[in-house]
PDB file of N, CA and C in Angstrom:
ATOM      1  N   MET A   1     -14.060  -1.031  11.857  1.00  0.00           N
ATOM      2  CA  MET A   1     -13.391  -0.833  10.991  1.00  0.00           C
ATOM      3  C   MET A   1     -12.586  -1.870  10.189  1.00  0.00           C
ATOM      4  N   ASN A   2     -12.668  -2.201   8.948  1.00  0.00           N
ATOM      5  CA  ASN A   2     -11.763  -3.135   8.243  1.00  0.00           C
ATOM      6  C   ASN A   2     -10.529  -2.687   8.112  1.00  0.00           C
ATOM      7  N   ARG A   3      -9.661  -3.800   7.779  1.00  0.00           N
ATOM      8  CA  ARG A   3      -8.196  -3.342   7.675  1.00  0.00           C
ATOM      9  C   ARG A   3      -7.732  -2.310   6.459  1.00  0.00           C
ATOM     10  N   ARG A   4      -8.786  -2.434   5.541  1.00  0.00           N
ATOM     11  CA  ARG A   4      -8.393  -1.367   4.401  1.00  0.00           C
ATOM     12  C   ARG A   4      -8.815  -0.151   4.844  1.00  0.00           C
ATOM     13  N   GLN A   5      -9.925   0.201   5.826  1.00  0.00           N
ATOM     14  CA  GLN A   5     -10.155   1.265   6.403  1.00  0.00           C
ATOM     15  C   GLN A   5      -9.073   1.953   7.379  1.00  0.00           C
ATOM     16  N   ALA A   6      -8.688   0.776   8.082  1.00  0.00           N
ATOM     17  CA  ALA A   6      -7.572   1.147   9.196  1.00  0.00           C
ATOM     18  C   ALA A   6      -6.106   1.775   8.438  1.00  0.00           C
ATOM     19  N   ILE A   7      -5.964   0.878   7.309  1.00  0.00           N
ATOM     20  CA  ILE A   7      -4.778   1.489   6.517  1.00  0.00           C
ATOM     21  C   ILE A   7      -4.843   2.835   5.880  1.00  0.00           C
ATOM     22  N   GLU A   8      -6.084   3.031   5.348  1.00  0.00           N
ATOM     23  CA  GLU A   8      -6.212   4.463   5.105  1.00  0.00           C
ATOM     24  C   GLU A   8      -6.214   5.668   6.091  1.00  0.00           C
ATOM     25  N   THR A   9      -6.717   5.102   7.114  1.00  0.00           N
ATOM     26  CA  THR A   9      -7.047   6.077   8.445  1.00  0.00           C
ATOM     27  C   THR A   9      -5.257   6.322   8.931  1.00  0.00           C
ATOM     28  N   GLU A  10      -4.489   5.410   8.977  1.00  0.00           N
ATOM     29  CA  GLU A  10      -3.218   5.436   9.501  1.00  0.00           C
ATOM     30  C   GLU A  10      -2.302   6.586   8.526  1.00  0.00           C
ATOM     31  N   ILE A  11      -2.564   6.166   7.276  1.00  0.00           N
ATOM     32  CA  ILE A  11      -1.826   6.815   6.299  1.00  0.00           C
ATOM     33  C   ILE A  11      -2.135   8.387   6.145  1.00  0.00           C
ATOM     34  N   ARG A  12      -3.453   8.469   6.053  1.00  0.00           N
ATOM     35  CA  ARG A  12      -4.094   9.858   5.922  1.00  0.00           C
ATOM     36  C   ARG A  12      -3.737  10.725   7.329  1.00  0.00           C
ATOM     37  N   ALA A  13      -3.676  10.275   8.229  1.00  0.00           N
ATOM     38  CA  ALA A  13      -3.402  10.995   9.496  1.00  0.00           C
ATOM     39  C   ALA A  13      -1.643  11.312   9.401  1.00  0.00           C
ATOM     40  N   ALA A  14      -0.821  10.618   9.096  1.00  0.00           N
ATOM     41  CA  ALA A  14       0.467  10.594   9.159  1.00  0.00           C
ATOM     42  C   ALA A  14       1.049  11.362   7.840  1.00  0.00           C
ATOM     43  N   LEU A  15       0.569  11.277   6.750  1.00  0.00           N
ATOM     44  CA  LEU A  15       1.197  11.753   5.416  1.00  0.00           C
ATOM     45  C   LEU A  15       0.302  12.765   4.695  1.00  0.00           C
ATOM     46  N   SER A  16      -0.919  13.123   5.000  1.00  0.00           N
ATOM     47  CA  SER A  16      -1.834  13.944   4.394  1.00  0.00           C
ATOM     48  C   SER A  16      -1.570  13.889   2.827  1.00  0.00           C
ATOM     49  N   PRO A  17      -1.837  12.802   2.380  1.00  0.00           N
ATOM     50  CA  PRO A  17      -1.810  12.415   1.023  1.00  0.00           C
ATOM     51  C   PRO A  17      -2.926  13.261   0.085  1.00  0.00           C
ATOM     52  N   VAL A  18      -2.079  13.665  -1.090  1.00  0.00           N
ATOM     53  CA  VAL A  18      -3.036  14.510  -2.116  1.00  0.00           C
ATOM     54  C   VAL A  18      -3.623  13.310  -2.825  1.00  0.00           C
ATOM     55  N   HIS A  19      -3.225  12.207  -2.766  1.00  0.00           N
ATOM     56  CA  HIS A  19      -3.761  11.207  -3.536  1.00  0.00           C
ATOM     57  C   HIS A  19      -3.488   9.646  -2.731  1.00  0.00           C
ATOM     58  N   LEU A  20      -4.600   8.741  -2.522  1.00  0.00           N
ATOM     59  CA  LEU A  20      -4.428   7.718  -1.805  1.00  0.00           C
ATOM     60  C   LEU A  20      -5.524   6.583  -2.281  1.00  0.00           C
ATOM     61  N   GLU A  21      -4.672   5.574  -2.480  1.00  0.00           N
ATOM     62  CA  GLU A  21      -5.673   4.480  -3.149  1.00  0.00           C
ATOM     63  C   GLU A  21      -5.055   3.004  -2.235  1.00  0.00           C
ATOM     64  N   VAL A  22      -6.020   2.380  -1.620  1.00  0.00           N
ATOM     65  CA  VAL A  22      -5.727   1.142  -0.574  1.00  0.00           C
ATOM     66  C   VAL A  22      -6.905   0.093  -1.330  1.00  0.00           C
ATOM     67  N   ALA A  23      -6.285  -0.981  -2.026  1.00  0.00           N
ATOM     68  CA  ALA A  23      -7.072  -2.001  -2.556  1.00  0.00           C
ATOM     69  C   ALA A  23      -6.614  -3.361  -1.996  1.00  0.00           C
ATOM     70  N   ASP A  24      -7.646  -4.051  -1.683  1.00  0.00           N
ATOM     71  CA  ASP A  24      -7.340  -5.299  -0.980  1.00  0.00           C
ATOM     72  C   ASP A  24      -7.334  -6.413  -2.033  1.00  0.00           C
ATOM     73  N   GLU A  25      -6.121  -6.656  -2.094  1.00  0.00           N
ATOM     74  CA  GLU A  25      -5.984  -7.988  -3.334  1.00  0.00           C
ATOM     75  C   GLU A  25      -5.701  -9.242  -3.221  1.00  0.00           C
ATOM     76  N   SER A  26      -6.297  -9.508  -1.622  1.00  0.00           N
ATOM     77  CA  SER A  26      -6.117 -10.892  -1.140  1.00  0.00           C
ATOM     78  C   SER A  26      -6.475 -12.002  -2.120  1.00  0.00           C
ATOM     79  N   HIS A  27      -7.770 -11.624  -2.588  1.00  0.00           N
ATOM     80  CA  HIS A  27      -8.356 -12.687  -3.587  1.00  0.00           C
ATOM     81  C   HIS A  27      -7.544 -13.181  -4.681  1.00  0.00           C
ATOM     82  N   MET A  28      -6.487 -12.278  -4.772  1.00  0.00           N
ATOM     83  CA  MET A  28      -5.445 -12.778  -6.037  1.00  0.00           C
ATOM     84  C   MET A  28      -4.348 -13.801  -5.516  1.00  0.00           C
ATOM     85  N   HIS A  29      -4.476 -14.154  -4.158  1.00  0.00           N
ATOM     86  CA  HIS A  29      -3.503 -14.969  -3.649  1.00  0.00           C
ATOM     87  C   HIS A  29      -4.072 -16.033  -2.990  1.00  0.00           C
ATOM     88  N   SER A  30      -3.068 -17.268  -2.509  1.00  0.00           N
ATOM     89  CA  SER A  30      -3.538 -18.297  -1.948  1.00  0.00           C
ATOM     90  C   SER A  30      -3.740 -18.065  -0.477  1.00  0.00           C
ATOM     91  N   VAL A  31      -4.847 -17.528  -0.085  1.00  0.00           N
ATOM     92  CA  VAL A  31      -5.331 -17.290   1.137  1.00  0.00           C
ATOM     93  C   VAL A  31      -6.657 -17.542   1.269  1.00  0.00           C
ATOM     94  N   PRO A  32      -7.152 -17.777   2.636  1.00  0.00           N
ATOM     95  CA  PRO A  32      -8.721 -18.035   2.711  1.00  0.00           C
ATOM     96  C   PRO A  32      -9.591 -16.696   2.396  1.00  0.00           C
ATOM     97  N   GLU A  33     -10.791 -16.848   2.019  1.00  0.00           N
ATOM     98  CA  GLU A  33     -11.561 -15.981   1.830  1.00  0.00           C
ATOM     99  C   GLU A  33     -11.733 -14.859   2.694  1.00  0.00           C
ATOM    100  N   GLY A  34     -11.801 -13.619   2.570  1.00  0.00           N
ATOM    101  CA  GLY A  34     -11.579 -12.611   3.393  1.00  0.00           C
ATOM    102  C   GLY A  34     -10.631 -12.431   4.483  1.00  0.00           C
ATOM    103  N   ALA A  35      -9.590 -12.975   4.055  1.00  0.00           N
ATOM    104  CA  ALA A  35      -8.283 -12.611   4.751  1.00  0.00           C
ATOM    105  C   ALA A  35      -7.732 -11.531   5.157  1.00  0.00           C
ATOM    106  N   GLN A  36      -8.034 -10.471   3.964  1.00  0.00           N
ATOM    107  CA  GLN A  36      -7.555  -8.994   4.316  1.00  0.00           C
ATOM    108  C   GLN A  36      -6.225  -9.192   4.583  1.00  0.00           C
ATOM    109  N   SER A  37      -5.235  -9.817   3.573  1.00  0.00           N
ATOM    110  CA  SER A  37      -3.908 -10.117   3.940  1.00  0.00           C
ATOM    111  C   SER A  37      -3.027  -9.409   2.939  1.00  0.00           C
ATOM    112  N   HIS A  38      -3.388  -9.006   1.581  1.00  0.00           N
ATOM    113  CA  HIS A  38      -2.664  -8.415   0.850  1.00  0.00           C
ATOM    114  C   HIS A  38      -3.128  -7.140   0.222  1.00  0.00           C
ATOM    115  N   PHE A  39      -2.444  -6.066   0.334  1.00  0.00           N
ATOM    116  CA  PHE A  39      -2.885  -4.925  -0.187  1.00  0.00           C
ATOM    117  C   PHE A  39      -2.320  -4.119  -1.294  1.00  0.00           C
ATOM    118  N   ARG A  40      -2.723  -3.407  -2.054  1.00  0.00           N
ATOM    119  CA  ARG A  40      -2.014  -2.623  -2.841  1.00  0.00           C
ATOM    120  C   ARG A  40      -2.133  -1.016  -2.394  1.00  0.00           C
ATOM    121  N   VAL A  41      -1.143  -0.236  -2.252  1.00  0.00           N
ATOM    122  CA  VAL A  41      -1.221   0.938  -1.868  1.00  0.00           C
ATOM    123  C   VAL A  41      -0.526   2.057  -2.783  1.00  0.00           C
ATOM    124  N   VAL A  42      -1.243   3.102  -3.009  1.00  0.00           N
ATOM    125  CA  VAL A  42      -0.713   4.137  -3.611  1.00  0.00           C
ATOM    126  C   VAL A  42      -0.902   5.359  -2.939  1.00  0.00           C
ATOM    127  N   VAL A  43       0.345   5.944  -2.719  1.00  0.00           N
ATOM    128  CA  VAL A  43       0.059   7.142  -1.843  1.00  0.00           C
ATOM    129  C   VAL A  43       0.916   8.254  -2.383  1.00  0.00           C
ATOM    130  N   VAL A  44       0.149   9.417  -2.621  1.00  0.00           N
ATOM    131  CA  VAL A  44       1.030  10.673  -3.246  1.00  0.00           C
ATOM    132  C   VAL A  44       1.097  11.487  -2.111  1.00  0.00           C
ATOM    133  N   SER A  45       2.603  12.194  -1.789  1.00  0.00           N
ATOM    134  CA  SER A  45       2.426  13.052  -0.721  1.00  0.00           C
ATOM    135  C   SER A  45       3.525  13.898  -0.714  1.00  0.00           C
ATOM    136  N   ASP A  46       3.329  15.304  -0.472  1.00  0.00           N
ATOM    137  CA  ASP A  46       4.404  15.905  -0.562  1.00  0.00           C
ATOM    138  C   ASP A  46       5.628  15.884   0.294  1.00  0.00           C
ATOM    139  N   LEU A  47       5.204  15.167   1.503  1.00  0.00           N
ATOM    140  CA  LEU A  47       6.193  14.619   2.708  1.00  0.00           C
ATOM    141  C   LEU A  47       7.290  13.672   1.943  1.00  0.00           C
ATOM    142  N   PHE A  48       7.073  13.167   0.936  1.00  0.00           N
ATOM    143  CA  PHE A  48       8.043  12.130   0.056  1.00  0.00           C
ATOM    144  C   PHE A  48       9.072  12.936  -0.399  1.00  0.00           C
ATOM    145  N   GLN A  49       8.933  14.323  -0.667  1.00  0.00           N
ATOM    146  CA  GLN A  49       9.966  15.046  -1.242  1.00  0.00           C
ATOM    147  C   GLN A  49      11.333  14.918  -0.569  1.00  0.00           C
ATOM    148  N   GLY A  50      12.259  14.508  -1.583  1.00  0.00           N
ATOM    149  CA  GLY A  50      13.686  14.297  -1.104  1.00  0.00           C
ATOM    150  C   GLY A  50      14.030  12.943  -0.466  1.00  0.00           C
ATOM    151  N   GLU A  51      12.904  12.242  -0.113  1.00  0.00           N
ATOM    152  CA  GLU A  51      13.147  10.909   0.345  1.00  0.00           C
ATOM    153  C   GLU A  51      13.333   9.817  -0.591  1.00  0.00           C
ATOM    154  N   PRO A  52      14.550   9.013  -0.624  1.00  0.00           N
ATOM    155  CA  PRO A  52      14.728   7.852  -1.505  1.00  0.00           C
ATOM    156  C   PRO A  52      13.435   6.661  -1.234  1.00  0.00           C
ATOM    157  N   LEU A  53      13.160   6.045  -2.303  1.00  0.00           N
ATOM    158  CA  LEU A  53      12.082   4.997  -2.284  1.00  0.00           C
ATOM    159  C   LEU A  53      11.966   4.038  -0.958  1.00  0.00           C
ATOM    160  N   VAL A  54      12.945   3.604  -0.673  1.00  0.00           N
ATOM    161  CA  VAL A  54      13.134   2.726   0.605  1.00  0.00           C
ATOM    162  C   VAL A  54      12.831   3.388   1.787  1.00  0.00           C
ATOM    163  N   LYS A  55      12.987   4.628   2.008  1.00  0.00           N
ATOM    164  CA  LYS A  55      12.806   5.345   3.282  1.00  0.00           C
ATOM    165  C   LYS A  55      11.243   5.585   3.245  1.00  0.00           C
ATOM    166  N   ARG A  56      10.540   5.654   2.020  1.00  0.00           N
ATOM    167  CA  ARG A  56       9.098   5.889   1.994  1.00  0.00           C
ATOM    168  C   ARG A  56       8.827   4.494   2.385  1.00  0.00           C
ATOM    169  N   HIS A  57       9.049   3.601   2.114  1.00  0.00           N
ATOM    170  CA  HIS A  57       8.364   2.212   2.102  1.00  0.00           C
ATOM    171  C   HIS A  57       8.721   1.711   3.585  1.00  0.00           C
ATOM    172  N   ARG A  58       9.720   2.286   4.353  1.00  0.00           N
ATOM    173  CA  ARG A  58       9.879   1.895   5.758  1.00  0.00           C
ATOM    174  C   ARG A  58       8.892   2.729   6.387  1.00  0.00           C
ATOM    175  N   ARG A  59       8.816   3.940   5.961  1.00  0.00           N
ATOM    176  CA  ARG A  59       7.931   4.852   6.703  1.00  0.00           C
ATOM    177  C   ARG A  59       6.283   4.270   6.648  1.00  0.00           C
ATOM    178  N   ILE A  60       6.022   3.790   5.868  1.00  0.00           N
ATOM    179  CA  ILE A  60       4.765   3.147   5.594  1.00  0.00           C
ATOM    180  C   ILE A  60       4.609   1.807   6.293  1.00  0.00           C
ATOM    181  N   ASN A  61       5.550   1.027   6.200  1.00  0.00           N
ATOM    182  CA  ASN A  61       5.591  -0.159   7.250  1.00  0.00           C
ATOM    183  C   ASN A  61       5.611   0.147   8.576  1.00  0.00           C
ATOM    184  N   ALA A  62       6.394   1.087   8.937  1.00  0.00           N
ATOM    185  CA  ALA A  62       6.337   1.459  10.372  1.00  0.00           C
ATOM    186  C   ALA A  62       5.030   2.034  10.972  1.00  0.00           C
ATOM    187  N   LEU A  63       4.451   2.798   9.961  1.00  0.00           N
ATOM    188  CA  LEU A  63       2.888   3.318  10.218  1.00  0.00           C
ATOM    189  C   LEU A  63       1.884   1.967  10.550  1.00  0.00           C
ATOM    190  N   LEU A  64       1.878   1.169   9.728  1.00  0.00           N
ATOM    191  CA  LEU A  64       1.286  -0.210   9.739  1.00  0.00           C
ATOM    192  C   LEU A  64       1.611  -1.189  10.745  1.00  0.00           C
ATOM    193  N   ARG A  65       2.632  -1.192  11.447  1.00  0.00           N
ATOM    194  CA  ARG A  65       3.100  -2.143  12.207  1.00  0.00           C
ATOM    195  C   ARG A  65       2.017  -3.068  12.902  1.00  0.00           C
ATOM    196  N   ALA A  66       1.186  -2.355  13.768  1.00  0.00           N
ATOM    197  CA  ALA A  66      -0.058  -2.860  14.318  1.00  0.00           C
ATOM    198  C   ALA A  66      -0.778  -3.799  13.265  1.00  0.00           C
ATOM    199  N   GLU A  67      -1.099  -3.495  12.279  1.00  0.00           N
ATOM    200  CA  GLU A  67      -1.729  -4.259  10.948  1.00  0.00           C
ATOM    201  C   GLU A  67      -0.753  -5.301  10.995  1.00  0.00           C
ATOM    202  N   PHE A  68       0.260  -5.201  10.423  1.00  0.00           N
ATOM    203  CA  PHE A  68       1.383  -6.513  10.349  1.00  0.00           C
ATOM    204  C   PHE A  68       1.184  -7.441  11.597  1.00  0.00           C
ATOM    205  N   ASP A  69       1.004  -6.978  12.665  1.00  0.00           N
ATOM    206  CA  ASP A  69       1.217  -7.604  13.837  1.00  0.00           C
ATOM    207  C   ASP A  69      -0.387  -8.483  13.978  1.00  0.00           C
ATOM    208  N   ALA A  70      -1.109  -7.890  13.313  1.00  0.00           N
ATOM    209  CA  ALA A  70      -2.566  -8.580  13.388  1.00  0.00           C
ATOM    210  C   ALA A  70      -2.907  -9.508  12.013  1.00  0.00           C
ATOM    211  N   GLY A  71      -2.036  -9.640  11.360  1.00  0.00           N
ATOM    212  CA  GLY A  71      -2.175 -10.593  10.088  1.00  0.00           C
ATOM    213  C   GLY A  71      -2.070 -10.065   8.889  1.00  0.00           C
ATOM    214  N   LEU A  72      -1.670  -8.580   8.760  1.00  0.00           N
ATOM    215  CA  LEU A  72      -1.502  -8.153   7.254  1.00  0.00           C
ATOM    216  C   LEU A  72      -0.224  -8.815   6.862  1.00  0.00           C
ATOM    217  N   HIS A  73      -0.155  -9.177   5.632  1.00  0.00           N
ATOM    218  CA  HIS A  73       0.828 -10.046   5.140  1.00  0.00           C
ATOM    219  C   HIS A  73       2.060  -9.357   4.187  1.00  0.00           C
ATOM    220  N   ALA A  74       1.270  -8.758   3.227  1.00  0.00           N
ATOM    221  CA  ALA A  74       1.987  -8.051   2.282  1.00  0.00           C
ATOM    222  C   ALA A  74       1.452  -6.511   1.811  1.00  0.00           C
ATOM    223  N   LEU A  75       2.187  -5.686   1.398  1.00  0.00           N
ATOM    224  CA  LEU A  75       1.558  -4.611   0.690  1.00  0.00           C
ATOM    225  C   LEU A  75       2.701  -4.262  -0.681  1.00  0.00           C
ATOM    226  N   ALA A  76       1.868  -3.983  -1.638  1.00  0.00           N
ATOM    227  CA  ALA A  76       2.586  -3.502  -2.958  1.00  0.00           C
ATOM    228  C   ALA A  76       2.536  -2.024  -3.013  1.00  0.00           C
ATOM    229  N   LEU A  77       3.546  -1.404  -2.333  1.00  0.00           N
ATOM    230  CA  LEU A  77       3.546   0.099  -2.331  1.00  0.00           C
ATOM    231  C   LEU A  77       3.883   0.940  -3.667  1.00  0.00           C
ATOM    232  N   HIS A  78       3.333   1.835  -3.625  1.00  0.00           N
ATOM    233  CA  HIS A  78       3.581   2.923  -4.942  1.00  0.00           C
ATOM    234  C   HIS A  78       3.867   4.205  -3.987  1.00  0.00           C
ATOM    235  N   THR A  79       4.820   4.800  -3.910  1.00  0.00           N
ATOM    236  CA  THR A  79       4.987   5.903  -3.212  1.00  0.00           C
ATOM    237  C   THR A  79       5.674   6.950  -4.044  1.00  0.00           C
ATOM    238  N   MET A  80       4.891   8.143  -4.366  1.00  0.00           N
ATOM    239  CA  MET A  80       5.448   9.253  -5.218  1.00  0.00           C
ATOM    240  C   MET A  80       5.110  10.640  -4.434  1.00  0.00           C
ATOM    241  N   THR A  81       5.733  11.531  -5.030  1.00  0.00           N
ATOM    242  CA  THR A  81       5.648  12.947  -4.733  1.00  0.00           C
ATOM    243  C   THR A  81       4.707  13.315  -5.861  1.00  0.00           C
ATOM    244  N   PRO A  82       3.844  14.496  -5.567  1.00  0.00           N
ATOM    245  CA  PRO A  82       2.917  14.938  -6.528  1.00  0.00           C
ATOM    246  C   PRO A  82       3.488  15.103  -7.952  1.00  0.00           C
ATOM    247  N   GLN A  83       4.594  15.544  -7.948  1.00  0.00           N
ATOM    248  CA  GLN A  83       5.422  15.678  -9.313  1.00  0.00           C
ATOM    249  C   GLN A  83       5.635  14.545 -10.123  1.00  0.00           C
ATOM    250  N   GLU A  84       5.949  13.615  -9.218  1.00  0.00           N
ATOM    251  CA  GLU A  84       6.317  11.996  -9.720  1.00  0.00           C
ATOM    252  C   GLU A  84       4.886  11.411 -10.197  1.00  0.00           C
ATOM    253  N   TRP A  85       3.872  11.681  -9.662  1.00  0.00           N
ATOM    254  CA  TRP A  85       2.674  11.211  -9.752  1.00  0.00           C
ATOM    255  C   TRP A  85       2.082  11.886 -11.198  1.00  0.00           C
ATOM    256  N   PHE A  86       2.487  13.034 -11.195  1.00  0.00           N
ATOM    257  CA  PHE A  86       1.921  13.895 -12.447  1.00  0.00           C
ATOM    258  C   PHE A  86       2.780  13.014 -13.750  1.00  0.00           C
ATOM    259  N   ASP A  87       4.278  13.283 -13.465  1.00  0.00           N
ATOM    260  CA  ASP A  87       5.094  12.603 -14.542  1.00  0.00           C
ATOM    261  C   ASP A  87       4.524  11.173 -15.169  1.00  0.00           C
ATOM    262  N   LYS A  88       3.976  10.483 -13.981  1.00  0.00           N
ATOM    263  CA  LYS A  88       3.645   9.066 -14.417  1.00  0.00           C
ATOM    264  C   LYS A  88       1.985   9.090 -15.126  1.00  0.00           C
ATOM    265  N   GLY A  89       1.659  10.272 -15.256  1.00  0.00           N
ATOM    266  CA  GLY A  89       0.287  10.309 -15.958  1.00  0.00           C
ATOM    267  C   GLY A  89      -0.867  10.180 -14.587  1.00  0.00           C
ATOM    268  N   GLY A  90      -0.550  10.222 -13.702  1.00  0.00           N
ATOM    269  CA  GLY A  90      -1.345   9.967 -12.391  1.00  0.00           C
ATOM    270  C   GLY A  90      -1.845   8.332 -12.621  1.00  0.00           C
ATOM    271  N   ALA A  91      -1.112   7.567 -12.508  1.00  0.00           N
ATOM    272  CA  ALA A  91      -1.210   6.163 -12.731  1.00  0.00           C
ATOM    273  C   ALA A  91      -0.117   5.383 -11.898  1.00  0.00           C
ATOM    274  N   ALA A  92      -0.167   4.358 -11.239  1.00  0.00           N
ATOM    275  CA  ALA A  92       0.601   3.460 -10.899  1.00  0.00           C
ATOM    276  C   ALA A  92       0.405   1.972 -11.460  1.00  0.00           C
ATOM    277  N   PRO A  93       1.551   1.135 -11.470  1.00  0.00           N
ATOM    278  CA  PRO A  93       1.262  -0.052 -12.112  1.00  0.00           C
ATOM    279  C   PRO A  93       0.461  -1.023 -11.455  1.00  0.00           C
ATOM    280  N   ASP A  94      -0.404  -1.782 -12.342  1.00  0.00           N
ATOM    281  CA  ASP A  94      -0.950  -3.034 -11.541  1.00  0.00           C
ATOM    282  C   ASP A  94      -0.158  -4.209 -10.888  1.00  0.00           C
ATOM    283  N   SER A  95      -0.868  -4.765 -10.178  1.00  0.00           N
ATOM    284  CA  SER A  95       0.061  -5.707  -9.397  1.00  0.00           C
ATOM    285  C   SER A  95       0.390  -6.976 -10.109  1.00  0.00           C
ATOM    286  N   PRO A  96       1.224  -7.621 -10.146  1.00  0.00           N
ATOM    287  CA  PRO A  96       1.523  -8.743 -10.867  1.00  0.00           C
ATOM    288  C   PRO A  96       0.514  -9.931 -10.327  1.00  0.00           C
ATOM    289  N   GLU A  97       0.512 -11.203 -11.209  1.00  0.00           N
ATOM    290  CA  GLU A  97      -0.198 -12.164 -10.784  1.00  0.00           C
ATOM    291  C   GLU A  97       0.390 -12.967  -9.455  1.00  0.00           C
ATOM    292  N   CYS A  98      -0.287 -13.437  -8.871  1.00  0.00           N
ATOM    293  CA  CYS A  98       0.456 -14.299  -7.398  1.00  0.00           C
ATOM    294  C   CYS A  98       0.879 -15.526  -8.337  1.00  0.00           C
ATOM    295  N   LEU A  99       2.248 -15.810  -7.811  1.00  0.00           N
ATOM    296  CA  LEU A  99       3.048 -17.116  -8.291  1.00  0.00           C
ATOM    297  C   LEU A  99       3.249 -17.872  -7.267  1.00  0.00           C
ATOM    298  N   GLY A 100       2.780 -17.877  -6.065  1.00  0.00           N
ATOM    299  CA  GLY A 100       2.839 -18.662  -4.798  1.00  0.00           C
ATOM    300  C   GLY A 100       1.652 -19.605  -4.598  1.00  0.00           C
ATOM    301  N   GLY A 101       2.094 -20.578  -3.691  1.00  0.00           N
ATOM    302  CA  GLY A 101       0.933 -21.215  -3.282  1.00  0.00           C
ATOM    303  C   GLY A 101       0.351 -22.108  -4.433  1.00  0.00           C
ATOM    304  N   SER A 102      -0.930 -22.316  -4.314  1.00  0.00           N
ATOM    305  CA  SER A 102      -2.001 -23.102  -5.196  1.00  0.00           C
ATOM    306  C   SER A 102      -2.097 -22.022  -6.588  1.00  0.00           C
ATOM    307  N   LYS A 103      -1.715 -21.101  -6.633  1.00  0.00           N
ATOM    308  CA  LYS A 103      -1.798 -20.133  -7.881  1.00  0.00           C
ATOM    309  C   LYS A 103      -0.705 -20.422  -8.864  1.00  0.00           C
ATOM    310  N   GLN A 104       0.346 -21.267  -8.342  1.00  0.00           N
ATOM    311  CA  GLN A 104       1.262 -21.558  -9.279  1.00  0.00           C
ATOM    312  C   GLN A 104       0.664 -22.299 -10.639  1.00  0.00           C
TER     313      GLN A 104
END
């Protein structure tokens, strides 16, 4: 199982999302090919109801602690309730261009 699949598996098991996107964006950063270190994650779950954004992000980060320990470097997180997802037209913003390392 690759890192994207592991992330999906952990999130699906813990949050029963109504929508989940996990994209490996490592190619957009100054990392070796195949690094699987930078991911964009969109999670829409009823379990986020009433939770502030920081708590949602902490929940995801805690779920993926083993992945961070194994080399995951960064997550671009977009965490929403189904109503928030609907209000945004079923879309999350794209990740910005990397400004670090040799990408400057």
